[in-house]
Protein backbone atom coordinates (compact mmCIF):
# COMPACT_ATOMS: atom_id res chain seq x y z
CA MET A 1 17.06 -21.80 0.89
CA ILE A 2 15.38 -18.56 -0.12
CA THR A 3 17.56 -15.47 -0.55
CA ARG A 4 16.59 -11.95 0.40
CA GLU A 5 16.76 -10.90 -3.27
CA GLN A 6 14.32 -13.70 -4.20
CA ALA A 7 12.01 -12.49 -1.42
CA ARG A 8 12.25 -8.92 -2.76
CA GLN A 9 11.31 -10.12 -6.24
CA ARG A 10 8.37 -12.14 -4.89
CA ALA A 11 7.17 -9.11 -2.91
CA LEU A 12 7.47 -6.93 -6.02
CA ASP A 13 5.53 -9.47 -8.11
CA ALA A 14 2.83 -9.64 -5.45
CA ILE A 15 2.40 -5.86 -5.12
CA ASN A 16 2.33 -5.44 -8.91
CA GLU A 17 -0.53 -7.96 -9.09
CA ILE A 18 -2.39 -6.13 -6.30
CA ILE A 19 -1.89 -2.79 -8.07
CA ARG A 20 -3.21 -4.32 -11.29
CA LYS A 21 -6.36 -5.48 -9.49
CA GLU A 22 -6.99 -2.67 -6.98
CA GLY A 23 -5.01 0.31 -8.25
CA GLY A 24 -2.03 2.13 -6.86
CA GLN A 25 -3.92 4.57 -4.68
CA ALA A 26 -5.89 1.88 -2.83
CA LYS A 27 -4.89 1.40 0.79
CA GLY A 28 -2.55 -1.57 0.90
CA LEU A 29 -1.63 -1.61 4.57
CA MET A 30 -3.16 -0.18 7.70
CA SER A 31 -1.53 -0.24 11.11
CA PRO A 32 -2.99 1.59 14.12
CA ARG A 33 -0.20 3.76 15.47
CA LYS A 34 0.68 7.37 16.20
CA GLY A 35 1.69 9.18 13.06
CA LYS A 36 0.83 7.70 9.69
CA CYS A 37 -1.34 4.61 9.94
CA ALA A 38 -2.16 3.73 6.29
CA TRP A 39 -0.05 3.26 3.15
CA THR A 40 -1.11 2.97 -0.47
CA ASN A 41 -0.05 0.15 -2.74
CA LEU A 42 2.30 2.53 -4.56
CA GLU A 43 4.01 3.50 -1.29
CA ILE A 44 4.53 -0.16 -0.49
CA LYS A 45 5.89 -0.81 -3.99
CA GLN A 46 8.36 2.08 -3.64
CA ALA A 47 9.59 0.68 -0.31
CA ILE A 48 10.11 -2.73 -1.95
CA ILE A 49 12.01 -1.24 -4.90
CA GLU A 50 14.24 0.81 -2.58
CA ASN A 51 14.48 -2.07 -0.07
CA ARG A 52 13.65 0.17 2.86
CA ASN A 53 11.10 0.57 5.63
CA LEU A 54 7.79 2.30 5.03
CA LEU A 55 7.84 6.03 5.65
CA ASP A 56 6.04 7.93 8.40
CA TYR A 57 4.10 11.15 7.77
CA ASP A 58 7.33 13.20 8.04
CA GLY A 59 9.37 11.01 5.68
CA THR A 60 11.33 9.11 8.31
CA GLU A 61 11.55 5.34 8.06
CA ILE A 62 9.49 3.32 10.53
CA LYS A 63 11.66 0.69 12.17
CA GLY A 64 10.45 -2.86 11.59
CA MET A 65 8.10 -2.07 8.69
CA ASN A 66 10.08 -3.34 5.71
CA PRO A 67 7.89 -5.28 3.25
CA VAL A 68 10.91 -7.20 1.91
CA ASP A 69 11.77 -8.40 5.42
CA ASP A 70 8.15 -9.45 5.94
CA MET A 71 8.13 -11.49 2.72
CA PHE A 72 11.54 -13.00 3.53
CA ARG A 73 10.38 -14.12 6.99
CA TYR A 74 7.16 -15.55 5.53
CA LEU A 75 8.98 -17.49 2.81
CA GLN A 76 11.48 -18.87 5.34
CA TYR A 77 8.59 -19.91 7.60
CA ALA A 78 6.77 -21.58 4.70
CA GLU A 79 9.95 -23.33 3.54
CA ASP A 80 10.80 -24.59 7.04
CA ARG A 81 7.31 -26.06 7.40
CA LYS A 82 7.12 -27.30 3.80
CA LEU A 83 4.01 -25.22 3.09
CA ASN A 84 4.95 -24.39 -0.51
């Protein structure tokens, strides 16, 4: 069974590889919504390191937008379906 800390490390490894290829200022995530709707790879990496949600334009956390949670749910899904 995957742990949340293992998921955080996998997310950090993945974003570091993306930053190496695309750069830190490249847009890493876009989500149409009121407020801030795009985040750079470095913003995503900082959220992973701090284990928090992504920040809105005013610095408040956006509920349900935690990259560690996303990776954890994906890895659980893949493990349950034996996709890895």
